[in-house]
Amino acid sequence: MSLDIHEFDSVDECAQALAARIAGNMANRLAMSERALLLVSGGRSPLPLFSALSTSPGEELDRVPWSRVDVSLVDERAVPAGHEDSNTLLVRRYLMSGRLQHARWVALLNDFADEPAGEDRWETAVQAARAANLRPELQDPCCIVLGMGTDGHTASLFADAPQWPDACNSTDRYIALQPAVAPHARVSLTLHALISQSSCYLWSGGSAKFDTLMSVKAAADAYASGRSSLETLSKAGPLAMLIAHSKVNLHVFHSK
């Protein structure tokens, strides 16, 4: 396990630093490959990062040929693209502008705004996960940007979801989940997809989330030292499971 924590006094400083790091990763990948994939998380927390990537000045950012970059999601809710809870809506509105207007958007979930109101959204999520696992453009991300909840969840991996054991053990990249305490069926990256990702970043801010990070780190340390069981680690949540894995290199960018 490698957990690198970078702390900043302000959200803007944190966003600028992570944006520069992402730009460096993308430029390095594009020096060797025709295209590079960036996966981001939704929610309101990463909006300063989206702004830094799309519009903030910076030599590292300007050197990236963004027209050769694909952008998609770590996770998505099974809602129409125009729904207020849609990660697609938020990312396309706040990230895919400025210099990133030249990037190519890769939808994780096809819009189904015209479907009848009674359509089974769980089946929509299942079909979307199956399709994502077959799409070559989603198989090899250059950078993944995760968020976190104060309950220790990351992406749409919730320990209370009936599909959580499958999300831990599946070798697929994407899986459908229905959390018990959060609305909407979802499509999410699995733990398997995150474990070997060398450029895996966690965006965090505020004291509550830092306390959560320290709590899940303690659970991961206890498991690594043999002081707790895998069952106990699993109950601590997805982020603890990720941190505890011997292959994981997780870079945390945290603003105070």
C-alpha atoms as a PDB file:
ATOM      1  CA  MET A   1       0.000   0.000   0.000  1.00  0.00           C
ATOM      2  CA  SER A   2       1.159   3.484  -0.846  1.00  0.00           C
ATOM      3  CA  LEU A   3      -0.903   6.413   0.389  1.00  0.00           C
ATOM      4  CA  ASP A   4       0.497   9.822  -0.490  1.00  0.00           C
ATOM      5  CA  ILE A   5      -1.352  12.725   1.131  1.00  0.00           C
ATOM      6  CA  HIS A   6      -0.829  16.213  -0.279  1.00  0.00           C
ATOM      7  CA  GLU A   7      -2.405  18.925   1.888  1.00  0.00           C
ATOM      8  CA  PHE A   8      -3.177  22.462   0.767  1.00  0.00           C
ATOM      9  CA  ASP A   9      -4.416  25.531   2.607  1.00  0.00           C
ATOM     10  CA  SER A  10      -7.060  26.351   0.015  1.00  0.00           C
ATOM     11  CA  VAL A  11      -9.324  24.560  -2.419  1.00  0.00           C
ATOM     12  CA  ASP A  12      -7.932  26.584  -5.327  1.00  0.00           C
ATOM     13  CA  GLU A  13      -4.336  25.605  -4.533  1.00  0.00           C
ATOM     14  CA  CYS A  14      -5.379  21.973  -4.282  1.00  0.00           C
ATOM     15  CA  ALA A  15      -7.272  22.127  -7.584  1.00  0.00           C
ATOM     16  CA  GLN A  16      -4.372  23.767  -9.397  1.00  0.00           C
ATOM     17  CA  ALA A  17      -1.897  21.202  -8.108  1.00  0.00           C
ATOM     18  CA  LEU A  18      -4.025  18.209  -9.039  1.00  0.00           C
ATOM     19  CA  ALA A  19      -4.889  19.686 -12.439  1.00  0.00           C
ATOM     20  CA  ALA A  20      -1.183  20.102 -13.166  1.00  0.00           C
ATOM     21  CA  ARG A  21      -0.494  16.519 -12.081  1.00  0.00           C
ATOM     22  CA  ILE A  22      -3.273  15.191 -14.307  1.00  0.00           C
ATOM     23  CA  ALA A  23      -2.015  17.262 -17.241  1.00  0.00           C
ATOM     24  CA  GLY A  24       1.468  15.813 -16.799  1.00  0.00           C
ATOM     25  CA  ASN A  25       0.103  12.266 -16.778  1.00  0.00           C
ATOM     26  CA  MET A  26      -1.980  12.924 -19.884  1.00  0.00           C
ATOM     27  CA  ALA A  27       0.920  14.500 -21.773  1.00  0.00           C
ATOM     28  CA  ASN A  28       3.177  11.530 -20.942  1.00  0.00           C
ATOM     29  CA  ARG A  29       0.545   9.047 -22.130  1.00  0.00           C
ATOM     30  CA  LEU A  30      -0.113  10.971 -25.324  1.00  0.00           C
ATOM     31  CA  ALA A  31       3.600  10.997 -26.116  1.00  0.00           C
ATOM     32  CA  MET A  32       3.287   7.202 -26.450  1.00  0.00           C
ATOM     33  CA  SER A  33      -0.351   6.662 -27.462  1.00  0.00           C
ATOM     34  CA  GLU A  34      -2.800   8.205 -29.890  1.00  0.00           C
ATOM     35  CA  ARG A  35      -5.435   8.827 -27.190  1.00  0.00           C
ATOM     36  CA  ALA A  36      -5.642   9.014 -23.387  1.00  0.00           C
ATOM     37  CA  LEU A  37      -8.629   8.447 -21.087  1.00  0.00           C
ATOM     38  CA  LEU A  38      -9.504  10.551 -18.037  1.00  0.00           C
ATOM     39  CA  LEU A  39     -12.149   9.219 -15.633  1.00  0.00           C
ATOM     40  CA  VAL A  40     -13.684  11.664 -13.160  1.00  0.00           C
ATOM     41  CA  SER A  41     -16.243  11.525 -10.373  1.00  0.00           C
ATOM     42  CA  GLY A  42     -19.417  13.573 -10.125  1.00  0.00           C
ATOM     43  CA  GLY A  43     -20.899  15.499  -7.228  1.00  0.00           C
ATOM     44  CA  ARG A  44     -20.323  19.128  -6.307  1.00  0.00           C
ATOM     45  CA  SER A  45     -16.998  18.657  -4.517  1.00  0.00           C
ATOM     46  CA  PRO A  46     -14.734  18.417  -7.597  1.00  0.00           C
ATOM     47  CA  LEU A  47     -16.128  21.525  -9.332  1.00  0.00           C
ATOM     48  CA  PRO A  48     -13.007  23.601  -8.446  1.00  0.00           C
ATOM     49  CA  LEU A  49     -10.876  20.872 -10.027  1.00  0.00           C
ATOM     50  CA  PHE A  50     -13.062  20.902 -13.150  1.00  0.00           C
ATOM     51  CA  SER A  51     -12.619  24.669 -13.368  1.00  0.00           C
ATOM     52  CA  ALA A  52      -8.855  24.378 -12.972  1.00  0.00           C
ATOM     53  CA  LEU A  53      -8.640  21.747 -15.716  1.00  0.00           C
ATOM     54  CA  SER A  54     -10.855  23.571 -18.183  1.00  0.00           C
ATOM     55  CA  THR A  55     -10.071  27.261 -17.763  1.00  0.00           C
ATOM     56  CA  SER A  56      -7.229  28.012 -15.325  1.00  0.00           C
ATOM     57  CA  PRO A  57      -3.950  29.224 -16.842  1.00  0.00           C
ATOM     58  CA  GLY A  58      -1.038  26.816 -16.705  1.00  0.00           C
ATOM     59  CA  GLU A  59       1.757  25.726 -19.013  1.00  0.00           C
ATOM     60  CA  GLU A  60       1.256  22.041 -18.168  1.00  0.00           C
ATOM     61  CA  LEU A  61      -2.423  22.275 -19.061  1.00  0.00           C
ATOM     62  CA  ASP A  62      -1.802  24.148 -22.296  1.00  0.00           C
ATOM     63  CA  ARG A  63       0.732  21.580 -23.488  1.00  0.00           C
ATOM     64  CA  VAL A  64      -1.843  18.762 -23.517  1.00  0.00           C
ATOM     65  CA  PRO A  65      -3.451  18.102 -26.935  1.00  0.00           C
ATOM     66  CA  TRP A  66      -6.942  17.854 -25.450  1.00  0.00           C
ATOM     67  CA  SER A  67      -8.506  16.875 -28.759  1.00  0.00           C
ATOM     68  CA  ARG A  68      -6.826  13.484 -28.266  1.00  0.00           C
ATOM     69  CA  VAL A  69      -8.260  13.045 -24.754  1.00  0.00           C
ATOM     70  CA  ASP A  70     -11.349  10.986 -23.919  1.00  0.00           C
ATOM     71  CA  VAL A  71     -13.338  11.883 -20.788  1.00  0.00           C
ATOM     72  CA  SER A  72     -15.757   9.568 -18.995  1.00  0.00           C
ATOM     73  CA  LEU A  73     -17.027   8.729 -15.520  1.00  0.00           C
ATOM     74  CA  VAL A  74     -15.906   6.663 -12.561  1.00  0.00           C
ATOM     75  CA  ASP A  75     -19.593   6.084 -11.797  1.00  0.00           C
ATOM     76  CA  GLU A  76     -23.039   7.180 -12.850  1.00  0.00           C
ATOM     77  CA  ARG A  77     -26.600   7.053 -11.498  1.00  0.00           C
ATOM     78  CA  ALA A  78     -29.271   5.392 -13.635  1.00  0.00           C
ATOM     79  CA  VAL A  79     -31.127   8.640 -14.289  1.00  0.00           C
ATOM     80  CA  PRO A  80     -31.733  10.583 -17.514  1.00  0.00           C
ATOM     81  CA  ALA A  81     -28.827  12.802 -18.581  1.00  0.00           C
ATOM     82  CA  GLY A  82     -30.881  15.905 -17.792  1.00  0.00           C
ATOM     83  CA  HIS A  83     -31.709  14.799 -14.222  1.00  0.00           C
ATOM     84  CA  GLU A  84     -30.336  16.944 -11.378  1.00  0.00           C
ATOM     85  CA  ASP A  85     -28.565  13.856  -9.942  1.00  0.00           C
ATOM     86  CA  SER A  86     -26.849  12.995 -13.227  1.00  0.00           C
ATOM     87  CA  ASN A  87     -23.049  12.997 -13.085  1.00  0.00           C
ATOM     88  CA  THR A  88     -23.106  13.283 -16.865  1.00  0.00           C
ATOM     89  CA  LEU A  89     -24.996  16.587 -16.678  1.00  0.00           C
ATOM     90  CA  LEU A  90     -22.626  18.008 -14.089  1.00  0.00           C
ATOM     91  CA  VAL A  91     -19.406  16.937 -15.830  1.00  0.00           C
ATOM     92  CA  ARG A  92     -20.506  18.085 -19.278  1.00  0.00           C
ATOM     93  CA  ARG A  93     -21.614  21.428 -17.845  1.00  0.00           C
ATOM     94  CA  TYR A  94     -18.573  22.199 -15.700  1.00  0.00           C
ATOM     95  CA  LEU A  95     -15.659  20.224 -17.164  1.00  0.00           C
ATOM     96  CA  MET A  96     -16.235  19.898 -20.912  1.00  0.00           C
ATOM     97  CA  SER A  97     -15.653  23.585 -21.625  1.00  0.00           C
ATOM     98  CA  GLY A  98     -12.677  25.871 -22.149  1.00  0.00           C
ATOM     99  CA  ARG A  99      -9.707  23.805 -23.266  1.00  0.00           C
ATOM    100  CA  LEU A 100     -11.638  20.577 -22.594  1.00  0.00           C
ATOM    101  CA  GLN A 101     -14.319  21.475 -25.124  1.00  0.00           C
ATOM    102  CA  HIS A 102     -11.927  19.829 -27.575  1.00  0.00           C
ATOM    103  CA  ALA A 103     -11.871  16.537 -25.658  1.00  0.00           C
ATOM    104  CA  ARG A 104     -14.161  13.643 -26.611  1.00  0.00           C
ATOM    105  CA  TRP A 105     -16.958  12.757 -24.203  1.00  0.00           C
ATOM    106  CA  VAL A 106     -17.517   8.993 -23.758  1.00  0.00           C
ATOM    107  CA  ALA A 107     -20.916   8.377 -22.152  1.00  0.00           C
ATOM    108  CA  LEU A 108     -21.015   5.688 -19.486  1.00  0.00           C
ATOM    109  CA  LEU A 109     -24.803   5.531 -19.585  1.00  0.00           C
ATOM    110  CA  ASN A 110     -26.894   6.214 -22.671  1.00  0.00           C
ATOM    111  CA  ASP A 111     -29.584   8.817 -22.117  1.00  0.00           C
ATOM    112  CA  PHE A 112     -33.069   7.345 -21.714  1.00  0.00           C
ATOM    113  CA  ALA A 113     -35.113  10.508 -21.252  1.00  0.00           C
ATOM    114  CA  ASP A 114     -37.857   9.162 -23.503  1.00  0.00           C
ATOM    115  CA  GLU A 115     -38.350   5.914 -21.604  1.00  0.00           C
ATOM    116  CA  PRO A 116     -41.656   5.465 -19.718  1.00  0.00           C
ATOM    117  CA  ALA A 117     -41.610   6.641 -16.105  1.00  0.00           C
ATOM    118  CA  GLY A 118     -42.034   3.091 -14.856  1.00  0.00           C
ATOM    119  CA  GLU A 119     -38.969   1.744 -16.663  1.00  0.00           C
ATOM    120  CA  ASP A 120     -36.789  -0.479 -14.456  1.00  0.00           C
ATOM    121  CA  ARG A 121     -33.740   1.655 -13.695  1.00  0.00           C
ATOM    122  CA  TRP A 122     -31.928  -1.313 -12.138  1.00  0.00           C
ATOM    123  CA  GLU A 123     -32.001  -3.126 -15.469  1.00  0.00           C
ATOM    124  CA  THR A 124     -30.740   0.067 -17.114  1.00  0.00           C
ATOM    125  CA  ALA A 125     -27.730   0.048 -14.770  1.00  0.00           C
ATOM    126  CA  VAL A 126     -27.073  -3.660 -15.371  1.00  0.00           C
ATOM    127  CA  GLN A 127     -27.127  -3.228 -19.138  1.00  0.00           C
ATOM    128  CA  ALA A 128     -24.897  -0.153 -18.937  1.00  0.00           C
ATOM    129  CA  ALA A 129     -22.301  -2.017 -16.860  1.00  0.00           C
ATOM    130  CA  ARG A 130     -22.281  -4.894 -19.328  1.00  0.00           C
ATOM    131  CA  ALA A 131     -21.838  -2.527 -22.244  1.00  0.00           C
ATOM    132  CA  ALA A 132     -19.046  -0.578 -20.505  1.00  0.00           C
ATOM    133  CA  ASN A 133     -17.113  -3.794 -19.870  1.00  0.00           C
ATOM    134  CA  LEU A 134     -17.089  -4.481 -23.611  1.00  0.00           C
ATOM    135  CA  ARG A 135     -16.013  -1.029 -24.774  1.00  0.00           C
ATOM    136  CA  PRO A 136     -12.288  -0.844 -25.574  1.00  0.00           C
ATOM    137  CA  GLU A 137     -12.154   2.928 -25.096  1.00  0.00           C
ATOM    138  CA  LEU A 138     -12.993   2.475 -21.376  1.00  0.00           C
ATOM    139  CA  GLN A 139     -10.458  -0.250 -20.583  1.00  0.00           C
ATOM    140  CA  ASP A 140      -7.194   1.629 -20.012  1.00  0.00           C
ATOM    141  CA  PRO A 141      -7.586   4.976 -18.240  1.00  0.00           C
ATOM    142  CA  CYS A 142      -4.577   7.221 -17.910  1.00  0.00           C
ATOM    143  CA  CYS A 143      -5.942   8.975 -14.795  1.00  0.00           C
ATOM    144  CA  ILE A 144      -8.782   8.261 -12.389  1.00  0.00           C
ATOM    145  CA  VAL A 145     -10.082  10.941 -10.030  1.00  0.00           C
ATOM    146  CA  LEU A 146     -12.090   9.550  -7.113  1.00  0.00           C
ATOM    147  CA  GLY A 147     -14.220  11.313  -4.553  1.00  0.00           C
ATOM    148  CA  MET A 148     -15.167  10.077  -1.104  1.00  0.00           C
ATOM    149  CA  GLY A 149     -18.099  10.152   1.262  1.00  0.00           C
ATOM    150  CA  THR A 150     -17.921  10.578   5.010  1.00  0.00           C
ATOM    151  CA  ASP A 151     -19.170   6.971   5.235  1.00  0.00           C
ATOM    152  CA  GLY A 152     -16.000   5.737   3.528  1.00  0.00           C
ATOM    153  CA  HIS A 153     -17.527   5.037   0.121  1.00  0.00           C
ATOM    154  CA  THR A 154     -15.784   5.939  -3.099  1.00  0.00           C
ATOM    155  CA  ALA A 155     -17.070   5.890  -6.682  1.00  0.00           C
ATOM    156  CA  SER A 156     -20.517   4.274  -6.249  1.00  0.00           C
ATOM    157  CA  LEU A 157     -19.115   1.449  -4.140  1.00  0.00           C
ATOM    158  CA  PHE A 158     -21.215   1.261  -0.992  1.00  0.00           C
ATOM    159  CA  ALA A 159     -20.635  -1.430   1.624  1.00  0.00           C
ATOM    160  CA  ASP A 160     -24.391  -1.599   2.288  1.00  0.00           C
ATOM    161  CA  ALA A 161     -25.223  -2.516  -1.316  1.00  0.00           C
ATOM    162  CA  PRO A 162     -26.232  -6.169  -1.881  1.00  0.00           C
ATOM    163  CA  GLN A 163     -23.749  -6.197  -4.773  1.00  0.00           C
ATOM    164  CA  TRP A 164     -20.803  -5.090  -2.604  1.00  0.00           C
ATOM    165  CA  PRO A 165     -19.256  -8.611  -2.350  1.00  0.00           C
ATOM    166  CA  ASP A 166     -19.419  -8.906  -6.130  1.00  0.00           C
ATOM    167  CA  ALA A 167     -17.822  -5.472  -6.518  1.00  0.00           C
ATOM    168  CA  CYS A 168     -14.940  -6.685  -4.316  1.00  0.00           C
ATOM    169  CA  ASN A 169     -14.400  -9.983  -6.139  1.00  0.00           C
ATOM    170  CA  SER A 170     -15.371  -9.355  -9.751  1.00  0.00           C
ATOM    171  CA  THR A 171     -12.648  -9.097 -12.384  1.00  0.00           C
ATOM    172  CA  ASP A 172     -14.929  -6.891 -14.504  1.00  0.00           C
ATOM    173  CA  ARG A 173     -14.164  -3.191 -14.640  1.00  0.00           C
ATOM    174  CA  TYR A 174     -17.745  -1.989 -14.148  1.00  0.00           C
ATOM    175  CA  ILE A 175     -20.621  -3.307 -12.066  1.00  0.00           C
ATOM    176  CA  ALA A 176     -24.201  -2.284 -11.304  1.00  0.00           C
ATOM    177  CA  LEU A 177     -25.059  -1.529  -7.675  1.00  0.00           C
ATOM    178  CA  GLN A 178     -28.131  -0.441  -5.719  1.00  0.00           C
ATOM    179  CA  PRO A 179     -27.048   1.173  -2.419  1.00  0.00           C
ATOM    180  CA  ALA A 180     -29.404   0.843   0.530  1.00  0.00           C
ATOM    181  CA  VAL A 181     -28.870   4.376   1.869  1.00  0.00           C
ATOM    182  CA  ALA A 182     -28.334   6.295  -1.370  1.00  0.00           C
ATOM    183  CA  PRO A 183     -30.850   6.896  -4.157  1.00  0.00           C
ATOM    184  CA  HIS A 184     -30.730   5.413  -7.654  1.00  0.00           C
ATOM    185  CA  ALA A 185     -29.242   2.289  -9.147  1.00  0.00           C
ATOM    186  CA  ARG A 186     -25.690   2.985 -10.294  1.00  0.00           C
ATOM    187  CA  VAL A 187     -22.873   1.884 -12.551  1.00  0.00           C
ATOM    188  CA  SER A 188     -19.439   1.985 -10.925  1.00  0.00           C
ATOM    189  CA  LEU A 189     -15.855   0.918 -11.351  1.00  0.00           C
ATOM    190  CA  THR A 190     -15.057  -2.191  -9.303  1.00  0.00           C
ATOM    191  CA  LEU A 191     -12.212  -2.536  -6.806  1.00  0.00           C
ATOM    192  CA  HIS A 192     -10.394  -4.647  -9.399  1.00  0.00           C
ATOM    193  CA  ALA A 193     -10.458  -1.684 -11.802  1.00  0.00           C
ATOM    194  CA  LEU A 194      -8.937   0.617  -9.170  1.00  0.00           C
ATOM    195  CA  ILE A 195      -6.293  -1.618  -7.634  1.00  0.00           C
ATOM    196  CA  SER A 196      -3.669  -1.487 -10.382  1.00  0.00           C
ATOM    197  CA  GLN A 197      -4.287   2.107 -11.471  1.00  0.00           C
ATOM    198  CA  SER A 198      -0.965   3.898 -11.102  1.00  0.00           C
ATOM    199  CA  SER A 199      -2.437   7.386 -11.536  1.00  0.00           C
ATOM    200  CA  CYS A 200      -5.311   7.130  -9.074  1.00  0.00           C
ATOM    201  CA  TYR A 201      -6.178  10.362  -7.285  1.00  0.00           C
ATOM    202  CA  LEU A 202      -8.547  11.060  -4.420  1.00  0.00           C
ATOM    203  CA  TRP A 203     -10.052  14.546  -4.218  1.00  0.00           C
ATOM    204  CA  SER A 204     -10.897  15.540  -0.638  1.00  0.00           C
ATOM    205  CA  GLY A 205     -11.682  18.668   1.331  1.00  0.00           C
ATOM    206  CA  GLY A 206     -12.560  19.727   4.861  1.00  0.00           C
ATOM    207  CA  SER A 207     -12.029  18.256   8.307  1.00  0.00           C
ATOM    208  CA  ALA A 208     -14.893  15.737   8.150  1.00  0.00           C
ATOM    209  CA  LYS A 209     -13.498  14.005   5.083  1.00  0.00           C
ATOM    210  CA  PHE A 210      -9.959  14.096   6.453  1.00  0.00           C
ATOM    211  CA  ASP A 211     -11.227  12.394   9.610  1.00  0.00           C
ATOM    212  CA  THR A 212     -12.881   9.761   7.429  1.00  0.00           C
ATOM    213  CA  LEU A 213      -9.655   9.259   5.519  1.00  0.00           C
ATOM    214  CA  MET A 214      -7.707   8.735   8.755  1.00  0.00           C
ATOM    215  CA  SER A 215     -10.364   6.309  10.007  1.00  0.00           C
ATOM    216  CA  VAL A 216     -10.291   4.133   6.902  1.00  0.00           C
ATOM    217  CA  LYS A 217      -6.487   4.286   6.863  1.00  0.00           C
ATOM    218  CA  ALA A 218      -6.457   2.988  10.442  1.00  0.00           C
ATOM    219  CA  ALA A 219      -8.754   0.118   9.384  1.00  0.00           C
ATOM    220  CA  ALA A 220      -6.450  -0.664   6.454  1.00  0.00           C
ATOM    221  CA  ASP A 221      -3.362  -0.545   8.708  1.00  0.00           C
ATOM    222  CA  ALA A 222      -5.018  -2.875  11.225  1.00  0.00           C
ATOM    223  CA  TYR A 223      -5.766  -5.402   8.496  1.00  0.00           C
ATOM    224  CA  ALA A 224      -2.270  -5.132   6.975  1.00  0.00           C
ATOM    225  CA  SER A 225      -0.675  -5.801  10.375  1.00  0.00           C
ATOM    226  CA  GLY A 226      -2.909  -8.792  11.093  1.00  0.00           C
ATOM    227  CA  ARG A 227      -4.857  -7.050  13.853  1.00  0.00           C
ATOM    228  CA  SER A 228      -8.207  -7.361  12.097  1.00  0.00           C
ATOM    229  CA  SER A 229      -9.977  -9.678   9.683  1.00  0.00           C
ATOM    230  CA  LEU A 230     -10.991  -9.238   6.067  1.00  0.00           C
ATOM    231  CA  GLU A 231     -14.608  -9.174   7.221  1.00  0.00           C
ATOM    232  CA  THR A 232     -13.871  -6.244   9.549  1.00  0.00           C
ATOM    233  CA  LEU A 233     -12.003  -4.447   6.781  1.00  0.00           C
ATOM    234  CA  SER A 234     -14.912  -4.937   4.392  1.00  0.00           C
ATOM    235  CA  LYS A 235     -17.301  -3.383   6.907  1.00  0.00           C
ATOM    236  CA  ALA A 236     -15.031  -0.320   7.074  1.00  0.00           C
ATOM    237  CA  GLY A 237     -15.980   0.360   3.473  1.00  0.00           C
ATOM    238  CA  PRO A 238     -14.646   0.481  -0.064  1.00  0.00           C
ATOM    239  CA  LEU A 239     -11.980   3.107   0.554  1.00  0.00           C
ATOM    240  CA  ALA A 240     -10.484   1.018   3.372  1.00  0.00           C
ATOM    241  CA  MET A 241     -10.468  -2.030   1.088  1.00  0.00           C
ATOM    242  CA  LEU A 242      -8.711  -0.057  -1.619  1.00  0.00           C
ATOM    243  CA  ILE A 243      -6.068   1.421   0.676  1.00  0.00           C
ATOM    244  CA  ALA A 244      -5.345  -1.961   2.259  1.00  0.00           C
ATOM    245  CA  HIS A 245      -4.415  -3.614  -1.025  1.00  0.00           C
ATOM    246  CA  SER A 246      -0.673  -4.143  -1.450  1.00  0.00           C
ATOM    247  CA  LYS A 247      -0.661  -2.923  -5.079  1.00  0.00           C
ATOM    248  CA  VAL A 248      -2.501   0.337  -4.550  1.00  0.00           C
ATOM    249  CA  ASN A 249      -0.850   3.706  -5.010  1.00  0.00           C
ATOM    250  CA  LEU A 250      -3.429   6.278  -3.966  1.00  0.00           C
ATOM    251  CA  HIS A 251      -2.551   9.985  -4.189  1.00  0.00           C
ATOM    252  CA  VAL A 252      -4.772  12.134  -1.968  1.00  0.00           C
ATOM    253  CA  PHE A 253      -5.153  15.838  -2.739  1.00  0.00           C
ATOM    254  CA  HIS A 254      -6.783  17.411   0.311  1.00  0.00           C
ATOM    255  CA  SER A 255      -7.689  21.021   1.013  1.00  0.00           C
ATOM    256  CA  LYS A 256      -8.064  22.127   4.636  1.00  0.00           C
END
